[in-house]
């Protein structure tokens, strides 16, 4: 009899440990002013969704959102309807959202709002994906990562361009050590964000995905149709980003390897990014580290300084130090 009780208790405890792992993970969206929110909801809440998404569902959304960027706030009413049709509850505040979800997709298009929104999420201890840009500026990005550490909340930020299979093959060394790279993407400007922070970040992210960290200096040449930024890495390699202000919206590049020149990209949709986000929510291990993300923002900030100084070569180290000082001020204002 005692043996039966022991076996039953063991099975009961085992089931108790298994059930939470099998429970559906409830996700919440902050910001229905970007197409990403709709794309993710359709993939996760569709009745015929893929098996790999069965453990996840978006259950709630706080729709706002920029109140100043017309291309963003005009989308919100239609996007609210679309996610409601997919079974998502619209809530009146981030506080209400946090009561209903396990993990957060911070999708607000306006990077200037991310610091305040993320701080509220971090205080609640919710693991968070922050869509690009992490913040509108280098200082905001640094402040967000510092707060995430303070509250012990895992975060990461990325665009989908990073996770294109071809680009990942290059990053993972399938073509040998990368000797240099040239990447490009559209560069649409938004007055509320520093150059590249609004859209050019796509191409900059591709560049750092294949080159890795270690950029030490930057200089930039600008024209009405195109901006070209050249970065020098600490091992002597050179990487460039071309921001396209005119012509077709294309994403891609070339990586130079011991096996020859190989293509970077192109864009292949949001699913590759969503897969990484969901794996992150399960493992709590960010697929993109803080150092690389902040180096991307330092590169963009240094490029702006170079442009303002007529193409002068700008130190990445000095640029980051200035951003770090400003980040401390931003954090103090939150308290």
Protein backbone atom coordinates (compact mmCIF):
# COMPACT_ATOMS: atom_id res chain seq x y z
CA UNK A 1 0.00 0.00 0.00
CA UNK A 2 2.81 2.39 0.92
CA UNK A 3 4.47 1.65 -2.43
CA UNK A 4 1.23 2.57 -4.29
CA UNK A 5 0.98 5.84 -2.37
CA UNK A 6 4.57 6.72 -3.23
CA UNK A 7 4.01 5.96 -6.93
CA UNK A 8 0.76 7.97 -6.99
CA UNK A 9 2.42 10.92 -5.25
CA UNK A 10 5.35 10.82 -7.67
CA UNK A 11 3.00 10.81 -10.66
CA UNK A 12 0.94 13.65 -9.17
CA UNK A 13 4.02 15.78 -8.63
CA UNK A 14 5.31 15.00 -12.13
CA UNK A 15 2.02 16.04 -13.68
CA UNK A 16 2.08 19.19 -11.57
CA UNK A 17 5.45 20.10 -13.02
CA UNK A 18 4.47 19.23 -16.60
CA UNK A 19 1.19 21.14 -16.78
CA UNK A 20 2.61 24.67 -16.40
CA UNK A 21 5.06 23.97 -19.23
CA UNK A 22 2.17 22.91 -21.46
CA UNK A 23 -0.06 25.90 -20.56
CA UNK A 24 -0.64 28.33 -23.40
CA UNK A 25 1.56 31.42 -23.10
CA UNK A 26 -0.54 34.59 -23.17
CA UNK A 27 0.96 37.51 -25.08
CA UNK A 28 0.07 41.19 -25.03
CA UNK A 29 0.76 43.87 -27.63
CA UNK A 30 1.53 47.51 -26.84
CA UNK A 31 0.99 49.62 -29.96
CA UNK A 32 -1.41 48.93 -32.81
CA UNK A 33 0.20 51.54 -35.04
CA UNK A 34 2.48 49.22 -37.00
CA UNK A 35 1.90 46.45 -39.52
CA UNK A 36 4.01 44.15 -37.33
CA UNK A 37 1.23 43.95 -34.75
CA UNK A 38 -1.23 42.73 -37.36
CA UNK A 39 1.22 40.28 -38.93
CA UNK A 40 2.07 38.69 -35.57
CA UNK A 41 -1.59 38.45 -34.53
CA UNK A 42 -2.60 36.77 -37.78
CA UNK A 43 0.15 34.18 -37.39
CA UNK A 44 -0.62 33.41 -33.73
CA UNK A 45 -4.41 33.71 -33.53
CA UNK A 46 -5.42 32.14 -36.83
CA UNK A 47 -7.68 29.10 -36.40
CA UNK A 48 -5.44 27.15 -38.78
CA UNK A 49 -2.13 28.35 -37.38
CA UNK A 50 1.01 26.26 -37.70
CA UNK A 51 1.80 23.67 -35.05
CA UNK A 52 4.88 25.61 -33.92
CA UNK A 53 2.61 28.43 -32.73
CA UNK A 54 0.13 26.30 -30.74
CA UNK A 55 1.56 27.27 -27.34
CA UNK A 56 1.08 31.00 -27.90
CA UNK A 57 -1.84 33.37 -28.27
CA UNK A 58 -2.19 37.16 -28.28
CA UNK A 59 -4.95 37.84 -25.77
CA UNK A 60 -4.83 41.60 -25.22
CA UNK A 61 -3.63 44.81 -26.84
CA UNK A 62 -3.16 48.40 -25.73
CA UNK A 63 -3.44 50.26 -29.06
CA UNK A 64 -1.50 53.49 -28.47
CA UNK A 65 0.75 54.51 -30.03
CA UNK A 66 2.11 57.69 -31.45
CA UNK A 67 -0.13 60.74 -31.25
CA UNK A 68 2.09 62.85 -33.48
CA UNK A 69 3.22 60.63 -36.38
CA UNK A 70 0.33 60.68 -38.84
CA UNK A 71 1.34 57.52 -40.72
CA UNK A 72 1.17 55.69 -37.37
CA UNK A 73 -1.89 57.02 -35.57
CA UNK A 74 -4.09 56.87 -38.68
CA UNK A 75 -3.69 53.08 -38.73
CA UNK A 76 -4.95 52.47 -35.20
CA UNK A 77 -8.76 52.35 -35.74
CA UNK A 78 -8.50 49.79 -38.56
CA UNK A 79 -5.88 47.74 -36.71
CA UNK A 80 -8.07 47.65 -33.59
CA UNK A 81 -10.87 46.13 -35.65
CA UNK A 82 -8.55 43.60 -37.27
CA UNK A 83 -7.15 42.26 -33.98
CA UNK A 84 -10.58 42.23 -32.33
CA UNK A 85 -11.78 40.03 -35.18
CA UNK A 86 -8.95 37.66 -34.22
CA UNK A 87 -10.10 37.43 -30.60
CA UNK A 88 -7.84 40.05 -29.02
CA UNK A 89 -9.22 42.15 -26.15
CA UNK A 90 -8.54 45.89 -26.40
CA UNK A 91 -7.59 47.32 -23.00
CA UNK A 92 -7.53 50.96 -21.83
CA UNK A 93 -4.04 51.01 -20.32
CA UNK A 94 -0.71 49.22 -20.16
CA UNK A 95 -1.44 48.45 -16.49
CA UNK A 96 -4.59 46.57 -17.54
CA UNK A 97 -2.65 44.70 -20.21
CA UNK A 98 0.01 43.55 -17.77
CA UNK A 99 -2.59 41.85 -15.56
CA UNK A 100 -3.67 39.60 -18.42
CA UNK A 101 -0.42 38.48 -20.10
CA UNK A 102 2.76 36.50 -19.52
CA UNK A 103 4.97 38.25 -22.08
CA UNK A 104 4.89 41.56 -23.96
CA UNK A 105 5.43 42.61 -27.57
CA UNK A 106 6.23 46.32 -27.37
CA UNK A 107 5.34 47.34 -30.93
CA UNK A 108 4.71 51.08 -30.66
CA UNK A 109 6.08 52.59 -33.85
CA UNK A 110 7.37 55.73 -32.17
CA UNK A 111 10.66 54.92 -30.48
CA UNK A 112 10.36 58.04 -28.32
CA UNK A 113 7.61 56.33 -26.31
CA UNK A 114 9.50 53.11 -25.67
CA UNK A 115 11.44 54.21 -22.58
CA UNK A 116 8.37 55.18 -20.57
CA UNK A 117 6.33 52.20 -21.80
CA UNK A 118 9.14 49.70 -21.25
CA UNK A 119 9.77 51.00 -17.74
CA UNK A 120 6.17 50.21 -16.79
CA UNK A 121 6.46 46.71 -18.26
CA UNK A 122 9.79 46.04 -16.55
CA UNK A 123 8.38 47.00 -13.14
CA UNK A 124 5.80 44.25 -13.65
CA UNK A 125 8.59 41.76 -14.41
CA UNK A 126 7.28 40.79 -17.86
CA UNK A 127 9.75 39.40 -20.39
CA UNK A 128 9.69 41.79 -23.37
CA UNK A 129 10.42 42.00 -27.07
CA UNK A 130 10.89 45.62 -28.19
CA UNK A 131 10.43 46.14 -31.90
CA UNK A 132 12.92 48.34 -33.68
CA UNK A 133 14.01 50.89 -32.81
CA UNK A 134 14.63 50.09 -29.13
CA UNK A 135 14.45 53.84 -28.57
CA UNK A 136 14.54 56.85 -30.86
CA UNK A 137 18.06 57.79 -29.72
CA UNK A 138 21.22 56.13 -28.46
CA UNK A 139 20.62 57.56 -24.98
CA UNK A 140 17.09 56.13 -24.85
CA UNK A 141 18.35 52.72 -25.98
CA UNK A 142 21.05 52.67 -23.29
CA UNK A 143 18.52 53.73 -20.64
CA UNK A 144 16.12 50.93 -21.61
CA UNK A 145 18.80 48.25 -21.30
CA UNK A 146 19.93 49.67 -17.93
CA UNK A 147 16.37 49.55 -16.60
CA UNK A 148 15.89 46.00 -17.90
CA UNK A 149 18.96 44.96 -15.89
CA UNK A 150 17.72 46.83 -12.83
CA UNK A 151 14.43 44.91 -12.87
CA UNK A 152 16.06 41.66 -14.05
CA UNK A 153 13.85 41.44 -17.15
CA UNK A 154 15.24 39.74 -20.29
CA UNK A 155 14.73 41.83 -23.44
CA UNK A 156 15.86 41.99 -27.02
CA UNK A 157 15.17 44.10 -30.07
CA UNK A 158 15.52 43.38 -33.77
CA UNK A 159 14.05 43.76 -37.22
CA UNK A 160 13.20 40.70 -39.30
CA UNK A 161 16.10 41.40 -41.70
CA UNK A 162 18.59 39.95 -39.23
CA UNK A 163 17.02 36.49 -39.27
CA UNK A 164 16.78 35.91 -43.02
CA UNK A 165 18.27 32.39 -43.49
CA UNK A 166 20.96 33.53 -45.95
CA UNK A 167 22.09 36.31 -43.62
CA UNK A 168 22.23 33.87 -40.70
CA UNK A 169 24.39 31.49 -42.76
CA UNK A 170 26.88 34.30 -43.30
CA UNK A 171 26.78 35.28 -39.63
CA UNK A 172 27.33 31.68 -38.54
CA UNK A 173 30.48 31.29 -40.63
CA UNK A 174 29.29 29.03 -43.46
CA UNK A 175 31.28 31.14 -45.94
CA UNK A 176 34.30 31.68 -43.69
CA UNK A 177 35.40 34.84 -41.88
CA UNK A 178 33.72 37.95 -43.23
CA UNK A 179 36.32 40.30 -44.68
CA UNK A 180 33.89 43.19 -45.19
CA UNK A 181 30.32 43.97 -46.18
CA UNK A 182 28.19 46.54 -47.98
CA UNK A 183 24.49 46.67 -47.02
CA UNK A 184 21.57 48.83 -48.11
CA UNK A 185 17.95 49.55 -47.24
CA UNK A 186 15.39 52.33 -47.65
CA UNK A 187 16.07 55.42 -45.55
CA UNK A 188 12.73 57.17 -44.99
CA UNK A 189 13.10 60.13 -42.66
CA UNK A 190 10.85 60.95 -39.70
CA UNK A 191 11.48 64.33 -38.00
CA UNK A 192 10.86 62.91 -34.51
CA UNK A 193 13.73 60.42 -34.89
CA UNK A 194 17.43 60.95 -35.64
CA UNK A 195 18.58 59.83 -39.10
CA UNK A 196 18.45 56.05 -39.67
CA UNK A 197 16.66 55.45 -36.35
CA UNK A 198 13.26 55.42 -38.05
CA UNK A 199 13.91 53.20 -41.08
CA UNK A 200 17.55 53.07 -42.09
CA UNK A 201 18.12 50.87 -39.05
CA UNK A 202 17.07 47.87 -41.21
CA UNK A 203 20.19 48.07 -43.35
CA UNK A 204 22.47 48.97 -40.44
CA UNK A 205 21.23 45.90 -38.61
CA UNK A 206 22.03 43.67 -41.59
CA UNK A 207 25.53 45.14 -41.65
CA UNK A 208 26.17 44.35 -37.99
CA UNK A 209 24.59 40.91 -38.28
CA UNK A 210 27.28 39.83 -40.76
CA UNK A 211 30.16 41.97 -39.50
CA UNK A 212 29.61 41.54 -35.77
CA UNK A 213 30.67 44.08 -33.15
CA UNK A 214 33.96 45.96 -33.00
CA UNK A 215 33.31 49.10 -35.05
CA UNK A 216 35.61 51.86 -33.80
CA UNK A 217 35.01 54.83 -36.13
CA UNK A 218 32.47 56.14 -38.63
CA UNK A 219 32.22 58.72 -41.37
CA UNK A 220 29.37 59.66 -43.68
CA UNK A 221 28.70 61.27 -47.04
CA UNK A 222 25.18 62.51 -47.80
CA UNK A 223 23.25 63.60 -50.88
CA UNK A 224 19.57 64.16 -51.68
CA UNK A 225 19.08 60.62 -52.93
CA UNK A 226 21.51 58.57 -50.87
CA UNK A 227 23.53 58.48 -47.64
CA UNK A 228 26.64 56.31 -47.40
CA UNK A 229 28.22 55.52 -44.03
CA UNK A 230 31.61 53.82 -43.73
CA UNK A 231 32.59 52.04 -40.54
CA UNK A 232 36.05 50.80 -39.61
CA UNK A 233 36.28 47.75 -37.33
CA UNK A 234 39.02 47.16 -34.74
CA UNK A 235 40.56 44.38 -36.85
CA UNK A 236 40.91 46.62 -39.91
CA UNK A 237 37.77 45.46 -41.76
CA UNK A 238 35.51 47.97 -43.48
CA UNK A 239 31.72 47.86 -43.60
CA UNK A 240 29.36 50.28 -45.35
CA UNK A 241 25.69 51.15 -45.17
CA UNK A 242 23.83 52.82 -48.04
CA UNK A 243 20.55 54.50 -47.09
CA UNK A 244 18.29 54.83 -50.12
CA UNK A 245 16.06 57.91 -50.08
CA UNK A 246 14.80 57.51 -53.63
CA UNK A 247 13.94 54.61 -55.94
CA UNK A 248 12.49 51.21 -55.06
CA UNK A 249 12.32 49.95 -51.46
CA UNK A 250 14.96 47.23 -51.55
CA UNK A 251 16.93 45.51 -48.80
CA UNK A 252 20.12 43.54 -49.14
CA UNK A 253 23.85 43.70 -49.52
CA UNK A 254 27.08 41.89 -50.25
CA UNK A 255 29.43 40.14 -47.84
CA UNK A 256 33.01 39.55 -48.89
CA UNK A 257 34.32 36.14 -47.85
CA UNK A 258 37.22 33.77 -48.62
CA UNK A 259 34.74 31.97 -50.92
CA UNK A 260 33.89 35.14 -52.83
CA UNK A 261 31.17 37.78 -52.65
CA UNK A 262 27.86 36.43 -51.35
CA UNK A 263 24.47 38.16 -51.08
CA UNK A 264 23.04 39.42 -47.79
CA UNK A 265 19.25 39.21 -47.43
CA UNK A 266 16.82 39.94 -49.01
CA UNK A 267 13.71 40.62 -46.90
CA UNK A 268 11.53 37.51 -46.49
CA UNK A 269 8.66 38.52 -44.20
CA UNK A 270 8.00 38.59 -40.46
CA UNK A 271 7.77 34.88 -39.67
CA UNK A 272 11.52 34.42 -39.15
CA UNK A 273 11.46 37.19 -36.54
CA UNK A 274 8.37 35.86 -34.79
CA UNK A 275 9.97 32.41 -34.46
CA UNK A 276 12.93 33.97 -32.64
CA UNK A 277 10.67 36.04 -30.38
CA UNK A 278 8.65 33.01 -29.29
CA UNK A 279 11.77 30.96 -28.62
CA UNK A 280 13.04 33.87 -26.52
CA UNK A 281 9.80 33.92 -24.53
CA UNK A 282 10.25 30.22 -23.78
CA UNK A 283 13.98 30.22 -23.01
CA UNK A 284 14.49 33.79 -21.74
CA UNK A 285 17.73 33.81 -23.75
CA UNK A 286 17.96 36.84 -26.11
CA UNK A 287 19.03 35.92 -29.67
CA UNK A 288 20.63 39.37 -30.05
CA UNK A 289 22.81 40.68 -27.26
CA UNK A 290 22.79 44.13 -25.71
CA UNK A 291 26.31 44.97 -26.90
CA UNK A 292 25.48 44.54 -30.57
CA UNK A 293 22.18 46.40 -30.33
CA UNK A 294 23.79 49.38 -28.62
CA UNK A 295 26.68 49.37 -31.08
CA UNK A 296 24.14 49.69 -33.90
CA UNK A 297 22.71 52.79 -32.22
CA UNK A 298 26.17 54.19 -31.58
CA UNK A 299 26.99 53.70 -35.29
CA UNK A 300 23.85 55.60 -36.30
CA UNK A 301 24.50 58.42 -33.82
CA UNK A 302 28.15 58.72 -34.90
CA UNK A 303 27.03 58.88 -38.54
CA UNK A 304 24.80 61.88 -37.69
CA UNK A 305 27.70 63.62 -36.00
CA UNK A 306 29.88 62.94 -39.04
CA UNK A 307 27.25 64.39 -41.39
CA UNK A 308 26.94 67.53 -39.23
CA UNK A 309 30.72 67.94 -39.34
CA UNK A 310 31.11 67.58 -43.09
CA UNK A 311 32.11 63.93 -43.16
CA UNK A 312 34.62 64.00 -40.31
CA UNK A 313 35.64 60.61 -38.88
CA UNK A 314 33.86 60.12 -35.55
CA UNK A 315 34.96 57.89 -32.66
CA UNK A 316 32.45 55.25 -31.62
CA UNK A 317 33.83 55.20 -28.07
CA UNK A 318 33.35 58.93 -27.54
CA UNK A 319 29.87 58.79 -29.07
CA UNK A 320 28.81 56.01 -26.70
CA UNK A 321 30.19 57.84 -23.67
CA UNK A 322 28.08 60.89 -24.51
CA UNK A 323 25.03 58.69 -24.94
CA UNK A 324 25.64 57.00 -21.59
CA UNK A 325 25.74 60.34 -19.77
CA UNK A 326 22.45 61.36 -21.36
CA UNK A 327 20.90 57.96 -20.50
CA UNK A 328 21.58 58.53 -16.80
CA UNK A 329 19.68 61.84 -16.99
CA UNK A 330 16.74 60.13 -18.70
CA UNK A 331 16.55 57.45 -16.00
CA UNK A 332 16.59 60.09 -13.24
CA UNK A 333 13.62 61.84 -14.89
CA UNK A 334 11.59 58.64 -14.73
CA UNK A 335 11.91 58.37 -10.96
